[in-house]
Amino acid sequence: WPQVALVANYVDGYEREYARAWGAADQLIGLLRSQGLFQVRKPQNGTSKFYLSTAGVAPATLAERALRQGIILPDGPPAEEIGLQVNATILRRPVESLARSFAGLLQA
């Protein structure tokens, strides 16, 4: 029940924040695609995730490098791409800064 107690603090603004988060995610996706360094897959028919991959750097290595920059990427079974969950935490940093950080992951 302690987790439910926190819900009351966020429920009223959830839809607005989630829409803002997807706006930022779409902007990030556009920047990542324009860099040409990442392949980004956004499934049709809606989901709360988009998927990121790049040639030459394993997803586990990307996640390790990202953590050093304060970006938490999911870890799990080895995969060809990383599923990024869209939520309000994407709003904590400017999208342009996130895009630069992602580009830096390939040079680390």
Protein backbone atom coordinates (compact mmCIF):
# COMPACT_ATOMS: atom_id res chain seq x y z
CA TRP A 1 0.00 0.00 0.00
CA PRO A 2 2.80 2.53 0.45
CA GLN A 3 3.18 2.70 -3.34
CA VAL A 4 -0.52 3.52 -3.73
CA ALA A 5 -0.18 6.46 -1.35
CA LEU A 6 2.18 8.13 -3.84
CA VAL A 7 -0.31 7.84 -6.69
CA ALA A 8 -2.53 10.59 -5.28
CA ASN A 9 0.34 13.07 -5.75
CA TYR A 10 0.60 12.39 -9.49
CA VAL A 11 -2.74 11.18 -10.79
CA ASP A 12 -4.24 14.59 -11.57
CA GLY A 13 -1.41 15.64 -13.87
CA TYR A 14 -0.51 12.22 -15.28
CA GLU A 15 -2.11 12.57 -18.70
CA ARG A 16 -0.67 16.04 -19.24
CA GLU A 17 2.83 14.95 -18.17
CA TYR A 18 2.66 11.78 -20.26
CA ALA A 19 1.71 13.83 -23.33
CA ARG A 20 4.63 16.19 -22.64
CA ALA A 21 6.93 13.19 -22.20
CA TRP A 22 5.88 11.80 -25.60
CA GLY A 23 6.43 15.22 -27.16
CA ALA A 24 9.98 15.19 -25.80
CA ALA A 25 10.46 11.56 -26.86
CA ASP A 26 9.33 12.36 -30.41
CA GLN A 27 11.74 15.28 -30.50
CA LEU A 28 14.55 13.03 -29.22
CA ILE A 29 13.70 10.38 -31.81
CA GLY A 30 13.91 13.01 -34.54
CA LEU A 31 17.29 14.23 -33.32
CA LEU A 32 18.69 10.71 -33.00
CA ARG A 33 17.54 9.83 -36.49
CA SER A 34 18.97 13.05 -37.93
CA GLN A 35 22.38 12.29 -36.38
CA GLY A 36 22.46 9.10 -38.40
CA LEU A 37 24.15 7.29 -35.53
CA PHE A 38 21.16 5.33 -34.26
CA GLN A 39 18.31 3.37 -35.69
CA VAL A 40 15.08 4.16 -33.90
CA ARG A 41 11.98 2.01 -34.18
CA LYS A 42 8.65 3.31 -32.96
CA PRO A 43 6.04 0.55 -33.25
CA GLN A 44 2.81 1.32 -35.04
CA ASN A 45 -0.49 1.09 -33.17
CA GLY A 46 0.92 2.70 -30.05
CA THR A 47 3.01 1.56 -27.13
CA SER A 48 4.80 3.23 -24.25
CA LYS A 49 8.20 2.39 -25.73
CA PHE A 50 10.47 3.08 -28.63
CA TYR A 51 13.48 0.99 -29.55
CA LEU A 52 17.05 2.11 -30.10
CA SER A 53 19.95 0.32 -31.78
CA THR A 54 23.25 1.15 -33.39
CA ALA A 55 25.84 -0.72 -35.38
CA GLY A 56 29.09 -1.57 -33.67
CA VAL A 57 28.12 -1.07 -30.02
CA ALA A 58 26.29 -3.74 -28.06
CA PRO A 59 23.19 -2.63 -26.12
CA ALA A 60 24.80 -3.72 -22.83
CA THR A 61 27.80 -1.51 -23.57
CA LEU A 62 25.50 1.43 -24.39
CA ALA A 63 23.66 0.92 -21.10
CA GLU A 64 26.92 0.85 -19.14
CA ARG A 65 28.21 4.02 -20.80
CA ALA A 66 24.84 5.75 -20.36
CA LEU A 67 24.78 5.05 -16.64
CA ARG A 68 28.06 6.94 -16.27
CA GLN A 69 26.27 9.96 -17.78
CA GLY A 70 23.23 9.68 -15.52
CA ILE A 71 21.02 8.03 -18.15
CA ILE A 72 19.45 4.78 -17.06
CA LEU A 73 18.85 2.39 -19.93
CA PRO A 74 17.19 -0.94 -19.30
CA ASP A 75 19.35 -3.98 -18.97
CA GLY A 76 18.16 -7.45 -19.49
CA PRO A 77 18.68 -10.32 -21.82
CA PRO A 78 21.02 -9.63 -24.71
CA ALA A 79 19.12 -8.03 -27.54
CA GLU A 80 19.80 -6.16 -30.75
CA GLU A 81 17.96 -3.07 -29.53
CA ILE A 82 17.09 -1.34 -26.29
CA GLY A 83 13.46 -0.68 -25.42
CA LEU A 84 13.15 2.80 -23.95
CA GLN A 85 10.12 3.38 -21.75
CA VAL A 86 8.62 6.84 -22.21
CA ASN A 87 7.70 8.58 -18.97
CA ALA A 88 8.06 11.97 -17.32
CA THR A 89 11.71 11.41 -16.40
CA ILE A 90 12.62 12.41 -19.98
CA LEU A 91 11.55 15.93 -19.03
CA ARG A 92 14.35 16.27 -16.48
CA ARG A 93 16.93 17.23 -19.11
CA PRO A 94 16.67 19.28 -22.29
CA VAL A 95 16.10 17.01 -25.28
CA GLU A 96 19.09 18.47 -27.14
CA SER A 97 21.30 17.57 -24.17
CA LEU A 98 19.97 14.01 -24.20
CA ALA A 99 20.65 13.70 -27.93
CA ARG A 100 24.24 14.91 -27.42
CA SER A 101 24.66 12.45 -24.56
CA PHE A 102 23.41 9.58 -26.69
CA ALA A 103 25.84 10.54 -29.46
CA GLY A 104 28.62 10.58 -26.88
CA LEU A 105 27.82 7.00 -25.90
CA LEU A 106 29.25 5.87 -29.21
CA GLN A 107 32.54 7.66 -28.62
CA ALA A 108 33.14 6.58 -25.01
